[in-house]
PDB file of N, CA and C in Angstrom:
ATOM      1  N   MET A   1       5.101   3.080   7.424  1.00  0.00           N
ATOM      2  CA  MET A   1       6.184   2.525   6.455  1.00  0.00           C
ATOM      3  C   MET A   1       7.121   1.762   6.733  1.00  0.00           C
ATOM      4  N   ILE A   2       7.287   0.724   6.029  1.00  0.00           N
ATOM      5  CA  ILE A   2       8.725   0.364   6.339  1.00  0.00           C
ATOM      6  C   ILE A   2       9.208  -0.153   4.274  1.00  0.00           C
ATOM      7  N   VAL A   3      10.389   0.747   4.577  1.00  0.00           N
ATOM      8  CA  VAL A   3      11.089   0.947   3.205  1.00  0.00           C
ATOM      9  C   VAL A   3      12.290   0.015   3.153  1.00  0.00           C
ATOM     10  N   ASP A   4      12.718  -0.823   2.536  1.00  0.00           N
ATOM     11  CA  ASP A   4      13.680  -1.578   2.506  1.00  0.00           C
ATOM     12  C   ASP A   4      13.857  -2.817   1.259  1.00  0.00           C
ATOM     13  N   ASP A   5      15.126  -2.352   0.324  1.00  0.00           N
ATOM     14  CA  ASP A   5      15.201  -3.345  -0.646  1.00  0.00           C
ATOM     15  C   ASP A   5      15.296  -5.016  -0.076  1.00  0.00           C
ATOM     16  N   GLU A   6      15.426  -5.545   1.297  1.00  0.00           N
ATOM     17  CA  GLU A   6      15.706  -6.521   1.712  1.00  0.00           C
ATOM     18  C   GLU A   6      14.259  -7.346   2.107  1.00  0.00           C
ATOM     19  N   PRO A   7      14.134  -8.093   1.434  1.00  0.00           N
ATOM     20  CA  PRO A   7      12.405  -8.897   1.436  1.00  0.00           C
ATOM     21  C   PRO A   7      12.445  -9.310   3.118  1.00  0.00           C
ATOM     22  N   ASP A   8      13.616  -9.933   3.371  1.00  0.00           N
ATOM     23  CA  ASP A   8      13.431 -10.807   4.834  1.00  0.00           C
ATOM     24  C   ASP A   8      12.923  -9.625   5.660  1.00  0.00           C
ATOM     25  N   ILE A   9      13.525  -8.358   5.509  1.00  0.00           N
ATOM     26  CA  ILE A   9      13.891  -7.507   6.493  1.00  0.00           C
ATOM     27  C   ILE A   9      12.044  -6.809   6.471  1.00  0.00           C
ATOM     28  N   LEU A  10      11.195  -6.543   5.079  1.00  0.00           N
ATOM     29  CA  LEU A  10      10.272  -5.876   5.316  1.00  0.00           C
ATOM     30  C   LEU A  10       9.176  -7.091   5.893  1.00  0.00           C
ATOM     31  N   THR A  11       9.585  -8.412   5.778  1.00  0.00           N
ATOM     32  CA  THR A  11       8.730  -9.276   6.163  1.00  0.00           C
ATOM     33  C   THR A  11       9.123  -9.390   7.833  1.00  0.00           C
ATOM     34  N   SER A  12       9.978  -9.384   8.294  1.00  0.00           N
ATOM     35  CA  SER A  12      10.235  -9.657   9.551  1.00  0.00           C
ATOM     36  C   SER A  12       9.885  -8.309  10.762  1.00  0.00           C
ATOM     37  N   VAL A  13      10.313  -7.307   9.782  1.00  0.00           N
ATOM     38  CA  VAL A  13       9.934  -5.774  10.902  1.00  0.00           C
ATOM     39  C   VAL A  13       7.967  -5.632  10.757  1.00  0.00           C
ATOM     40  N   GLY A  14       7.849  -6.323   9.481  1.00  0.00           N
ATOM     41  CA  GLY A  14       6.215  -5.913   9.422  1.00  0.00           C
ATOM     42  C   GLY A  14       5.529  -6.558  10.232  1.00  0.00           C
ATOM     43  N   GLN A  15       5.450  -8.062  10.532  1.00  0.00           N
ATOM     44  CA  GLN A  15       4.922  -8.838  10.733  1.00  0.00           C
ATOM     45  C   GLN A  15       5.224  -8.562  12.225  1.00  0.00           C
ATOM     46  N   VAL A  16       6.027  -8.111  12.912  1.00  0.00           N
ATOM     47  CA  VAL A  16       6.113  -7.870  14.355  1.00  0.00           C
ATOM     48  C   VAL A  16       5.243  -6.452  14.918  1.00  0.00           C
ATOM     49  N   LEU A  17       5.328  -5.492  13.794  1.00  0.00           N
ATOM     50  CA  LEU A  17       4.329  -4.214  13.814  1.00  0.00           C
ATOM     51  C   LEU A  17       2.846  -4.811  13.904  1.00  0.00           C
ATOM     52  N   GLU A  18       2.566  -5.809  12.683  1.00  0.00           N
ATOM     53  CA  GLU A  18       1.411  -6.038  12.497  1.00  0.00           C
ATOM     54  C   GLU A  18       0.930  -6.450  13.545  1.00  0.00           C
ATOM     55  N   VAL A  19       1.464  -7.745  14.080  1.00  0.00           N
ATOM     56  CA  VAL A  19       1.200  -8.126  15.823  1.00  0.00           C
ATOM     57  C   VAL A  19       0.714  -7.213  16.533  1.00  0.00           C
ATOM     58  N   SER A  20       1.783  -6.348  16.776  1.00  0.00           N
ATOM     59  CA  SER A  20       1.689  -5.379  17.835  1.00  0.00           C
ATOM     60  C   SER A  20       0.444  -4.439  17.372  1.00  0.00           C
ATOM     61  N   GLY A  21      -0.227  -4.492  16.443  1.00  0.00           N
ATOM     62  CA  GLY A  21      -1.589  -3.361  16.514  1.00  0.00           C
ATOM     63  C   GLY A  21      -1.288  -2.408  15.697  1.00  0.00           C
ATOM     64  N   TYR A  22       0.059  -2.524  14.444  1.00  0.00           N
ATOM     65  CA  TYR A  22       0.097  -1.108  14.021  1.00  0.00           C
ATOM     66  C   TYR A  22      -0.068  -1.430  12.354  1.00  0.00           C
ATOM     67  N   LYS A  23      -0.625  -0.654  11.825  1.00  0.00           N
ATOM     68  CA  LYS A  23      -1.029  -0.589  10.268  1.00  0.00           C
ATOM     69  C   LYS A  23       0.081  -0.444   9.741  1.00  0.00           C
ATOM     70  N   VAL A  24       0.298  -1.494   8.701  1.00  0.00           N
ATOM     71  CA  VAL A  24       1.847  -1.647   8.349  1.00  0.00           C
ATOM     72  C   VAL A  24       1.541  -1.291   6.442  1.00  0.00           C
ATOM     73  N   THR A  25       2.448  -0.507   6.013  1.00  0.00           N
ATOM     74  CA  THR A  25       2.569  -0.594   4.563  1.00  0.00           C
ATOM     75  C   THR A  25       4.185  -0.625   4.057  1.00  0.00           C
ATOM     76  N   LYS A  26       4.486  -1.575   2.871  1.00  0.00           N
ATOM     77  CA  LYS A  26       5.803  -2.125   2.518  1.00  0.00           C
ATOM     78  C   LYS A  26       6.018  -1.243   1.272  1.00  0.00           C
ATOM     79  N   ALA A  27       7.482  -0.841   1.120  1.00  0.00           N
ATOM     80  CA  ALA A  27       8.054  -0.478   0.110  1.00  0.00           C
ATOM     81  C   ALA A  27       9.448  -0.990  -0.347  1.00  0.00           C
ATOM     82  N   ASN A  28       9.560  -1.436  -1.393  1.00  0.00           N
ATOM     83  CA  ASN A  28      10.889  -2.288  -1.723  1.00  0.00           C
ATOM     84  C   ASN A  28      12.337  -1.180  -2.067  1.00  0.00           C
ATOM     85  N   ASN A  29      11.688  -0.169  -2.214  1.00  0.00           N
ATOM     86  CA  ASN A  29      12.771   0.864  -2.680  1.00  0.00           C
ATOM     87  C   ASN A  29      12.371   2.275  -2.491  1.00  0.00           C
ATOM     88  N   GLY A  30      12.660   3.417  -2.415  1.00  0.00           N
ATOM     89  CA  GLY A  30      12.838   4.618  -2.350  1.00  0.00           C
ATOM     90  C   GLY A  30      11.604   5.337  -3.442  1.00  0.00           C
ATOM     91  N   ARG A  31      11.809   5.011  -5.022  1.00  0.00           N
ATOM     92  CA  ARG A  31      10.309   5.596  -5.279  1.00  0.00           C
ATOM     93  C   ARG A  31       9.319   4.653  -5.021  1.00  0.00           C
ATOM     94  N   GLU A  32       9.190   3.403  -4.735  1.00  0.00           N
ATOM     95  CA  GLU A  32       8.013   3.014  -4.730  1.00  0.00           C
ATOM     96  C   GLU A  32       7.223   3.787  -2.940  1.00  0.00           C
ATOM     97  N   CYS A  33       8.130   4.044  -2.280  1.00  0.00           N
ATOM     98  CA  CYS A  33       7.751   4.729  -1.114  1.00  0.00           C
ATOM     99  C   CYS A  33       7.135   6.098  -1.627  1.00  0.00           C
ATOM    100  N   LEU A  34       7.711   6.983  -2.421  1.00  0.00           N
ATOM    101  CA  LEU A  34       7.160   8.185  -2.664  1.00  0.00           C
ATOM    102  C   LEU A  34       6.314   8.010  -3.438  1.00  0.00           C
ATOM    103  N   GLU A  35       5.846   6.820  -4.104  1.00  0.00           N
ATOM    104  CA  GLU A  35       4.675   6.594  -5.028  1.00  0.00           C
ATOM    105  C   GLU A  35       3.443   6.139  -4.098  1.00  0.00           C
ATOM    106  N   LYS A  36       4.072   5.199  -3.055  1.00  0.00           N
ATOM    107  CA  LYS A  36       2.924   5.120  -2.014  1.00  0.00           C
ATOM    108  C   LYS A  36       2.291   6.339  -1.087  1.00  0.00           C
ATOM    109  N   LEU A  37       3.336   7.582  -1.034  1.00  0.00           N
ATOM    110  CA  LEU A  37       2.924   8.712  -0.271  1.00  0.00           C
ATOM    111  C   LEU A  37       2.181   9.319  -0.661  1.00  0.00           C
ATOM    112  N   GLU A  38       1.854   9.267  -1.962  1.00  0.00           N
ATOM    113  CA  GLU A  38       1.190   9.980  -3.113  1.00  0.00           C
ATOM    114  C   GLU A  38      -0.706   9.708  -2.527  1.00  0.00           C
ATOM    115  N   ASN A  39      -1.111   8.780  -2.161  1.00  0.00           N
ATOM    116  CA  ASN A  39      -2.014   7.954  -1.773  1.00  0.00           C
ATOM    117  C   ASN A  39      -2.596   7.910  -0.107  1.00  0.00           C
ATOM    118  N   GLU A  40      -1.185   7.445   0.355  1.00  0.00           N
ATOM    119  CA  GLU A  40      -1.396   7.432   1.731  1.00  0.00           C
ATOM    120  C   GLU A  40      -0.057   7.865   2.736  1.00  0.00           C
ATOM    121  N   VAL A  41      -0.584   8.863   3.822  1.00  0.00           N
ATOM    122  CA  VAL A  41       0.658   9.284   4.165  1.00  0.00           C
ATOM    123  C   VAL A  41       0.759   8.632   5.905  1.00  0.00           C
ATOM    124  N   PRO A  42       1.675   8.037   5.980  1.00  0.00           N
ATOM    125  CA  PRO A  42       1.919   7.174   7.313  1.00  0.00           C
ATOM    126  C   PRO A  42       2.343   8.325   8.592  1.00  0.00           C
ATOM    127  N   ASP A  43       2.357   7.924   9.822  1.00  0.00           N
ATOM    128  CA  ASP A  43       2.772   8.547  10.748  1.00  0.00           C
ATOM    129  C   ASP A  43       4.267   8.479  10.823  1.00  0.00           C
ATOM    130  N   VAL A  44       4.802   7.507  10.582  1.00  0.00           N
ATOM    131  CA  VAL A  44       6.109   6.622  10.558  1.00  0.00           C
ATOM    132  C   VAL A  44       6.943   6.275   9.450  1.00  0.00           C
ATOM    133  N   VAL A  45       7.817   6.428   8.957  1.00  0.00           N
ATOM    134  CA  VAL A  45       8.516   5.729   7.865  1.00  0.00           C
ATOM    135  C   VAL A  45       9.740   5.330   8.672  1.00  0.00           C
ATOM    136  N   VAL A  46      10.011   3.742   8.663  1.00  0.00           N
ATOM    137  CA  VAL A  46      11.132   3.012   8.641  1.00  0.00           C
ATOM    138  C   VAL A  46      11.880   3.046   7.534  1.00  0.00           C
ATOM    139  N   LEU A  47      13.215   3.340   7.474  1.00  0.00           N
ATOM    140  CA  LEU A  47      13.541   3.674   6.016  1.00  0.00           C
ATOM    141  C   LEU A  47      15.297   2.999   6.300  1.00  0.00           C
ATOM    142  N   ASP A  48      15.376   2.465   5.264  1.00  0.00           N
ATOM    143  CA  ASP A  48      16.839   1.973   5.065  1.00  0.00           C
ATOM    144  C   ASP A  48      17.569   3.134   4.151  1.00  0.00           C
ATOM    145  N   LEU A  49      18.802   2.699   4.436  1.00  0.00           N
ATOM    146  CA  LEU A  49      19.805   4.104   3.626  1.00  0.00           C
ATOM    147  C   LEU A  49      20.041   3.475   2.124  1.00  0.00           C
ATOM    148  N   MET A  50      20.947   2.186   2.087  1.00  0.00           N
ATOM    149  CA  MET A  50      21.375   1.868   1.245  1.00  0.00           C
ATOM    150  C   MET A  50      20.604   1.231   0.539  1.00  0.00           C
ATOM    151  N   MET A  51      19.940   1.813  -0.940  1.00  0.00           N
ATOM    152  CA  MET A  51      18.803   1.049  -1.786  1.00  0.00           C
ATOM    153  C   MET A  51      19.100   1.778  -3.203  1.00  0.00           C
ATOM    154  N   PRO A  52      19.156   0.431  -4.080  1.00  0.00           N
ATOM    155  CA  PRO A  52      19.349   0.779  -5.651  1.00  0.00           C
ATOM    156  C   PRO A  52      18.437   2.185  -5.909  1.00  0.00           C
ATOM    157  N   ASP A  53      18.892   2.811  -6.793  1.00  0.00           N
ATOM    158  CA  ASP A  53      17.748   4.030  -7.719  1.00  0.00           C
ATOM    159  C   ASP A  53      18.055   5.215  -6.610  1.00  0.00           C
ATOM    160  N   MET A  54      17.674   5.160  -5.377  1.00  0.00           N
ATOM    161  CA  MET A  54      17.607   6.305  -4.588  1.00  0.00           C
ATOM    162  C   MET A  54      17.780   5.650  -3.320  1.00  0.00           C
ATOM    163  N   SER A  55      18.952   6.429  -2.531  1.00  0.00           N
ATOM    164  CA  SER A  55      19.197   6.223  -1.126  1.00  0.00           C
ATOM    165  C   SER A  55      18.068   6.705  -0.246  1.00  0.00           C
ATOM    166  N   GLY A  56      18.249   5.921   0.769  1.00  0.00           N
ATOM    167  CA  GLY A  56      17.090   6.483   2.019  1.00  0.00           C
ATOM    168  C   GLY A  56      17.518   8.006   2.371  1.00  0.00           C
ATOM    169  N   TRP A  57      18.418   8.597   2.153  1.00  0.00           N
ATOM    170  CA  TRP A  57      19.269  10.024   2.652  1.00  0.00           C
ATOM    171  C   TRP A  57      18.135  10.710   1.597  1.00  0.00           C
ATOM    172  N   ASP A  58      18.232  10.355   0.138  1.00  0.00           N
ATOM    173  CA  ASP A  58      17.315  11.506  -0.865  1.00  0.00           C
ATOM    174  C   ASP A  58      15.818  11.043  -0.853  1.00  0.00           C
ATOM    175  N   VAL A  59      15.503   9.439  -0.070  1.00  0.00           N
ATOM    176  CA  VAL A  59      13.705   9.637   0.263  1.00  0.00           C
ATOM    177  C   VAL A  59      13.485  10.607   1.377  1.00  0.00           C
ATOM    178  N   ALA A  60      14.336  10.879   2.667  1.00  0.00           N
ATOM    179  CA  ALA A  60      14.136  11.369   3.606  1.00  0.00           C
ATOM    180  C   ALA A  60      14.091  12.934   2.728  1.00  0.00           C
ATOM    181  N   ALA A  61      15.039  13.225   2.366  1.00  0.00           N
ATOM    182  CA  ALA A  61      15.227  14.899   1.974  1.00  0.00           C
ATOM    183  C   ALA A  61      13.629  14.932   0.998  1.00  0.00           C
ATOM    184  N   LYS A  62      13.051  14.191   0.112  1.00  0.00           N
ATOM    185  CA  LYS A  62      11.778  14.084  -0.494  1.00  0.00           C
ATOM    186  C   LYS A  62      10.490  14.355   0.264  1.00  0.00           C
ATOM    187  N   ILE A  63      10.920  13.543   1.383  1.00  0.00           N
ATOM    188  CA  ILE A  63       9.655  13.829   2.421  1.00  0.00           C
ATOM    189  C   ILE A  63       9.628  14.612   3.187  1.00  0.00           C
ATOM    190  N   LYS A  64      10.782  15.445   3.591  1.00  0.00           N
ATOM    191  CA  LYS A  64      11.080  16.697   4.300  1.00  0.00           C
ATOM    192  C   LYS A  64      10.751  17.940   3.496  1.00  0.00           C
ATOM    193  N   GLU A  65      10.970  18.041   2.139  1.00  0.00           N
ATOM    194  CA  GLU A  65      10.762  19.194   1.639  1.00  0.00           C
ATOM    195  C   GLU A  65       9.184  19.241   0.854  1.00  0.00           C
ATOM    196  N   ASN A  66       8.571  18.298   1.127  1.00  0.00           N
ATOM    197  CA  ASN A  66       7.085  18.090   0.511  1.00  0.00           C
ATOM    198  C   ASN A  66       5.947  18.811   1.875  1.00  0.00           C
ATOM    199  N   PRO A  67       5.683  19.381   1.470  1.00  0.00           N
ATOM    200  CA  PRO A  67       4.709  20.298   2.612  1.00  0.00           C
ATOM    201  C   PRO A  67       3.416  19.498   3.385  1.00  0.00           C
ATOM    202  N   GLU A  68       3.223  18.255   2.575  1.00  0.00           N
ATOM    203  CA  GLU A  68       2.013  17.326   2.891  1.00  0.00           C
ATOM    204  C   GLU A  68       2.545  16.202   3.640  1.00  0.00           C
ATOM    205  N   TRP A  69       3.778  16.014   3.236  1.00  0.00           N
ATOM    206  CA  TRP A  69       4.672  14.989   4.344  1.00  0.00           C
ATOM    207  C   TRP A  69       5.653  15.066   5.148  1.00  0.00           C
ATOM    208  N   ASN A  70       5.967  16.898   5.349  1.00  0.00           N
ATOM    209  CA  ASN A  70       7.058  17.133   6.497  1.00  0.00           C
ATOM    210  C   ASN A  70       7.087  16.457   7.616  1.00  0.00           C
ATOM    211  N   ASN A  71       5.610  16.415   8.002  1.00  0.00           N
ATOM    212  CA  ASN A  71       5.380  15.763   9.469  1.00  0.00           C
ATOM    213  C   ASN A  71       5.765  14.378   9.655  1.00  0.00           C
ATOM    214  N   ILE A  72       5.462  13.675   8.392  1.00  0.00           N
ATOM    215  CA  ILE A  72       5.901  12.093   8.824  1.00  0.00           C
ATOM    216  C   ILE A  72       7.341  12.061   9.783  1.00  0.00           C
ATOM    217  N   LEU A  73       7.392  11.570  10.371  1.00  0.00           N
ATOM    218  CA  LEU A  73       8.534  10.809  11.383  1.00  0.00           C
ATOM    219  C   LEU A  73       9.310  10.013  10.725  1.00  0.00           C
ATOM    220  N   ILE A  74      10.735   9.691  10.694  1.00  0.00           N
ATOM    221  CA  ILE A  74      11.873   9.213   9.862  1.00  0.00           C
ATOM    222  C   ILE A  74      12.781   8.462  11.230  1.00  0.00           C
ATOM    223  N   ILE A  75      12.667   6.810  10.788  1.00  0.00           N
ATOM    224  CA  ILE A  75      13.347   5.942  11.688  1.00  0.00           C
ATOM    225  C   ILE A  75      14.184   4.935  10.380  1.00  0.00           C
ATOM    226  N   PHE A  76      15.664   5.664  10.577  1.00  0.00           N
ATOM    227  CA  PHE A  76      16.224   4.926   9.790  1.00  0.00           C
ATOM    228  C   PHE A  76      16.716   3.581  10.598  1.00  0.00           C
ATOM    229  N   LEU A  77      17.043   2.448   9.746  1.00  0.00           N
ATOM    230  CA  LEU A  77      17.118   0.930  10.260  1.00  0.00           C
ATOM    231  C   LEU A  77      17.999   0.739   8.843  1.00  0.00           C
ATOM    232  N   THR A  78      19.457   0.646   9.265  1.00  0.00           N
ATOM    233  CA  THR A  78      20.536   0.555   7.854  1.00  0.00           C
ATOM    234  C   THR A  78      21.532   0.239   8.776  1.00  0.00           C
ATOM    235  N   ALA A  79      22.600  -0.733   7.781  1.00  0.00           N
ATOM    236  CA  ALA A  79      23.681  -0.951   7.530  1.00  0.00           C
ATOM    237  C   ALA A  79      24.833  -0.249   8.197  1.00  0.00           C
ATOM    238  N   LYS A  80      24.436   1.082   7.626  1.00  0.00           N
ATOM    239  CA  LYS A  80      25.553   2.069   7.706  1.00  0.00           C
ATOM    240  C   LYS A  80      25.634   2.443   9.301  1.00  0.00           C
ATOM    241  N   GLY A  81      26.893   2.042   9.910  1.00  0.00           N
ATOM    242  CA  GLY A  81      27.040   2.212  11.192  1.00  0.00           C
ATOM    243  C   GLY A  81      28.403   2.889  11.298  1.00  0.00           C
ATOM    244  N   ASP A  82      28.663   3.357  10.259  1.00  0.00           N
ATOM    245  CA  ASP A  82      30.114   4.724  10.465  1.00  0.00           C
ATOM    246  C   ASP A  82      29.365   6.017  11.202  1.00  0.00           C
ATOM    247  N   THR A  83      30.461   6.379  12.106  1.00  0.00           N
ATOM    248  CA  THR A  83      30.239   7.380  12.695  1.00  0.00           C
ATOM    249  C   THR A  83      29.463   8.825  11.972  1.00  0.00           C
ATOM    250  N   MET A  84      29.812   9.117  10.663  1.00  0.00           N
ATOM    251  CA  MET A  84      29.558  10.504   9.877  1.00  0.00           C
ATOM    252  C   MET A  84      27.796   9.804   9.564  1.00  0.00           C
ATOM    253  N   SER A  85      27.349   8.730   9.390  1.00  0.00           N
ATOM    254  CA  SER A  85      26.092   8.205   9.232  1.00  0.00           C
ATOM    255  C   SER A  85      25.147   8.439  10.161  1.00  0.00           C
ATOM    256  N   VAL A  86      25.385   7.798  11.134  1.00  0.00           N
ATOM    257  CA  VAL A  86      25.028   7.876  12.368  1.00  0.00           C
ATOM    258  C   VAL A  86      24.843   9.310  12.847  1.00  0.00           C
ATOM    259  N   GLY A  87      25.638   9.998  12.989  1.00  0.00           N
ATOM    260  CA  GLY A  87      25.581  11.309  13.419  1.00  0.00           C
ATOM    261  C   GLY A  87      24.486  12.097  12.548  1.00  0.00           C
ATOM    262  N   MET A  88      24.627  12.295  11.090  1.00  0.00           N
ATOM    263  CA  MET A  88      23.608  12.768  10.278  1.00  0.00           C
ATOM    264  C   MET A  88      22.222  11.837  10.705  1.00  0.00           C
ATOM    265  N   GLY A  89      21.985  10.669  10.793  1.00  0.00           N
ATOM    266  CA  GLY A  89      20.658  10.328  10.738  1.00  0.00           C
ATOM    267  C   GLY A  89      20.432  10.535  11.907  1.00  0.00           C
ATOM    268  N   SER A  90      20.837  10.454  13.133  1.00  0.00           N
ATOM    269  CA  SER A  90      20.389  10.803  14.555  1.00  0.00           C
ATOM    270  C   SER A  90      19.669  12.281  14.427  1.00  0.00           C
ATOM    271  N   LEU A  91      20.494  13.463  13.634  1.00  0.00           N
ATOM    272  CA  LEU A  91      19.983  14.759  13.702  1.00  0.00           C
ATOM    273  C   LEU A  91      18.729  14.755  12.642  1.00  0.00           C
ATOM    274  N   THR A  92      19.141  13.957  11.839  1.00  0.00           N
ATOM    275  CA  THR A  92      17.885  14.055  10.933  1.00  0.00           C
ATOM    276  C   THR A  92      16.563  12.949  10.946  1.00  0.00           C
ATOM    277  N   SER A  93      16.420  12.333  11.946  1.00  0.00           N
ATOM    278  CA  SER A  93      15.589  11.164  12.123  1.00  0.00           C
ATOM    279  C   SER A  93      15.516  11.609  13.754  1.00  0.00           C
ATOM    280  N   GLU A  94      14.111  10.429  13.869  1.00  0.00           N
ATOM    281  CA  GLU A  94      13.453  10.412  15.167  1.00  0.00           C
ATOM    282  C   GLU A  94      14.721   9.107  15.915  1.00  0.00           C
ATOM    283  N   ASP A  95      14.876   8.256  14.872  1.00  0.00           N
ATOM    284  CA  ASP A  95      15.859   7.248  15.647  1.00  0.00           C
ATOM    285  C   ASP A  95      16.712   6.896  14.475  1.00  0.00           C
ATOM    286  N   TYR A  96      18.000   6.362  14.680  1.00  0.00           N
ATOM    287  CA  TYR A  96      18.890   5.590  13.756  1.00  0.00           C
ATOM    288  C   TYR A  96      19.145   4.382  14.505  1.00  0.00           C
ATOM    289  N   ILE A  97      18.900   3.333  13.452  1.00  0.00           N
ATOM    290  CA  ILE A  97      19.119   1.871  14.197  1.00  0.00           C
ATOM    291  C   ILE A  97      20.013   1.115  13.510  1.00  0.00           C
ATOM    292  N   VAL A  98      21.219   0.254  13.500  1.00  0.00           N
ATOM    293  CA  VAL A  98      22.028   0.131  12.823  1.00  0.00           C
ATOM    294  C   VAL A  98      21.625  -1.866  12.863  1.00  0.00           C
ATOM    295  N   LYS A  99      22.085  -2.129  11.485  1.00  0.00           N
ATOM    296  CA  LYS A  99      21.752  -3.937  11.047  1.00  0.00           C
ATOM    297  C   LYS A  99      23.194  -4.302  11.832  1.00  0.00           C
ATOM    298  N   PRO A 100      23.358  -5.316  12.365  1.00  0.00           N
ATOM    299  CA  PRO A 100      21.807  -6.408  12.415  1.00  0.00           C
ATOM    300  C   PRO A 100      21.526  -5.578  13.952  1.00  0.00           C
ATOM    301  N   PHE A 101      20.211  -5.689  13.889  1.00  0.00           N
ATOM    302  CA  PHE A 101      19.171  -5.301  15.111  1.00  0.00           C
ATOM    303  C   PHE A 101      18.582  -6.514  15.572  1.00  0.00           C
ATOM    304  N   ASP A 102      18.216  -6.151  17.091  1.00  0.00           N
ATOM    305  CA  ASP A 102      17.515  -7.088  17.708  1.00  0.00           C
ATOM    306  C   ASP A 102      16.157  -6.451  17.454  1.00  0.00           C
ATOM    307  N   ILE A 103      15.058  -7.615  17.141  1.00  0.00           N
ATOM    308  CA  ILE A 103      13.767  -7.318  16.636  1.00  0.00           C
ATOM    309  C   ILE A 103      13.254  -6.418  17.889  1.00  0.00           C
ATOM    310  N   ILE A 104      13.165  -7.139  19.231  1.00  0.00           N
ATOM    311  CA  ILE A 104      12.289  -6.737  20.392  1.00  0.00           C
ATOM    312  C   ILE A 104      13.041  -5.184  20.659  1.00  0.00           C
ATOM    313  N   ASP A 105      14.146  -4.983  20.588  1.00  0.00           N
ATOM    314  CA  ASP A 105      14.385  -3.606  20.598  1.00  0.00           C
ATOM    315  C   ASP A 105      13.881  -2.709  19.502  1.00  0.00           C
ATOM    316  N   LEU A 106      14.340  -3.508  18.461  1.00  0.00           N
ATOM    317  CA  LEU A 106      13.836  -2.535  17.449  1.00  0.00           C
ATOM    318  C   LEU A 106      11.987  -2.201  17.677  1.00  0.00           C
ATOM    319  N   LYS A 107      11.101  -2.918  17.984  1.00  0.00           N
ATOM    320  CA  LYS A 107       9.684  -2.816  18.312  1.00  0.00           C
ATOM    321  C   LYS A 107       9.564  -1.975  19.240  1.00  0.00           C
ATOM    322  N   LYS A 108      10.409  -1.839  20.655  1.00  0.00           N
ATOM    323  CA  LYS A 108      10.315  -0.942  21.354  1.00  0.00           C
ATOM    324  C   LYS A 108      10.706   0.652  21.039  1.00  0.00           C
ATOM    325  N   ARG A 109      11.752   0.325  20.383  1.00  0.00           N
ATOM    326  CA  ARG A 109      12.200   2.032  19.815  1.00  0.00           C
ATOM    327  C   ARG A 109      10.968   2.724  19.333  1.00  0.00           C
ATOM    328  N   ILE A 110      10.344   2.032  17.993  1.00  0.00           N
ATOM    329  CA  ILE A 110       9.325   2.271  17.173  1.00  0.00           C
ATOM    330  C   ILE A 110       8.015   2.507  18.246  1.00  0.00           C
ATOM    331  N   ASP A 111       7.889   1.686  19.283  1.00  0.00           N
ATOM    332  CA  ASP A 111       6.891   2.092  20.069  1.00  0.00           C
ATOM    333  C   ASP A 111       6.922   3.554  20.646  1.00  0.00           C
ATOM    334  N   SER A 112       8.218   3.805  20.948  1.00  0.00           N
ATOM    335  CA  SER A 112       8.733   4.707  21.828  1.00  0.00           C
ATOM    336  C   SER A 112       8.520   6.394  20.999  1.00  0.00           C
ATOM    337  N   VAL A 113       8.293   6.059  19.551  1.00  0.00           N
ATOM    338  CA  VAL A 113       8.245   7.143  18.463  1.00  0.00           C
ATOM    339  C   VAL A 113       6.742   7.089  18.694  1.00  0.00           C
ATOM    340  N   PHE A 114       6.087   5.992  18.281  1.00  0.00           N
ATOM    341  CA  PHE A 114       4.412   6.161  18.204  1.00  0.00           C
ATOM    342  C   PHE A 114       4.290   6.638  19.410  1.00  0.00           C
ATOM    343  N   GLU A 115       4.770   6.789  21.078  1.00  0.00           N
ATOM    344  CA  GLU A 115       4.089   7.294  21.933  1.00  0.00           C
ATOM    345  C   GLU A 115       4.554   8.680  22.272  1.00  0.00           C
ATOM    346  N   LYS A 116       5.393   8.954  21.284  1.00  0.00           N
ATOM    347  CA  LYS A 116       5.678  10.609  21.270  1.00  0.00           C
ATOM    348  C   LYS A 116       4.951  11.472  20.341  1.00  0.00           C
ATOM    349  N   ILE A 117       3.792  10.746  19.553  1.00  0.00           N
ATOM    350  CA  ILE A 117       3.171  11.305  18.920  1.00  0.00           C
ATOM    351  C   ILE A 117       1.405  10.459  18.888  1.00  0.00           C
ATOM    352  N   GLY A 118       1.503   9.670  20.247  1.00  0.00           N
ATOM    353  CA  GLY A 118       0.374   9.328  20.778  1.00  0.00           C
ATOM    354  C   GLY A 118      -0.655   8.759  20.007  1.00  0.00           C
ATOM    355  N   GLU A 119      -0.366   8.056  19.028  1.00  0.00           N
ATOM    356  CA  GLU A 119      -1.325   7.100  18.475  1.00  0.00           C
ATOM    357  C   GLU A 119      -0.547   5.981  17.727  1.00  0.00           C
ATOM    358  N   LYS A 120      -1.549   4.839  17.204  1.00  0.00           N
ATOM    359  CA  LYS A 120      -0.628   3.751  16.539  1.00  0.00           C
ATOM    360  C   LYS A 120      -1.576   4.121  14.938  1.00  0.00           C
ATOM    361  N   THR A 121      -0.894   3.953  13.859  1.00  0.00           N
ATOM    362  CA  THR A 121      -1.460   3.813  12.614  1.00  0.00           C
ATOM    363  C   THR A 121      -0.952   2.925  11.676  1.00  0.00           C
TER     364      THR A 121
END
């Protein structure tokens, strides 16, 4: 699942992952993400931090506190590149990628996370 309030990010990242064989679900914000998780639990959530209504930090916390979702791996994809955010994000996620990003590098890093769990979904 890709969660970002920027339509261009949803489209570009989604297309690259779909072409690579991944099943992709998209959410425009944190609340939509949590609603979609009620019906479909992905292996990985690529999550922006700075979104209206609910930050990515809050979404990640909700995911981790729910026993049905706490095995979902999180990759932060965000413009927040300050030392504190990078440090916290690196401790609480599988990867922390700062925008702007190279789409090929992003795909490789997502592939690496899926290699850890051994499947594509």
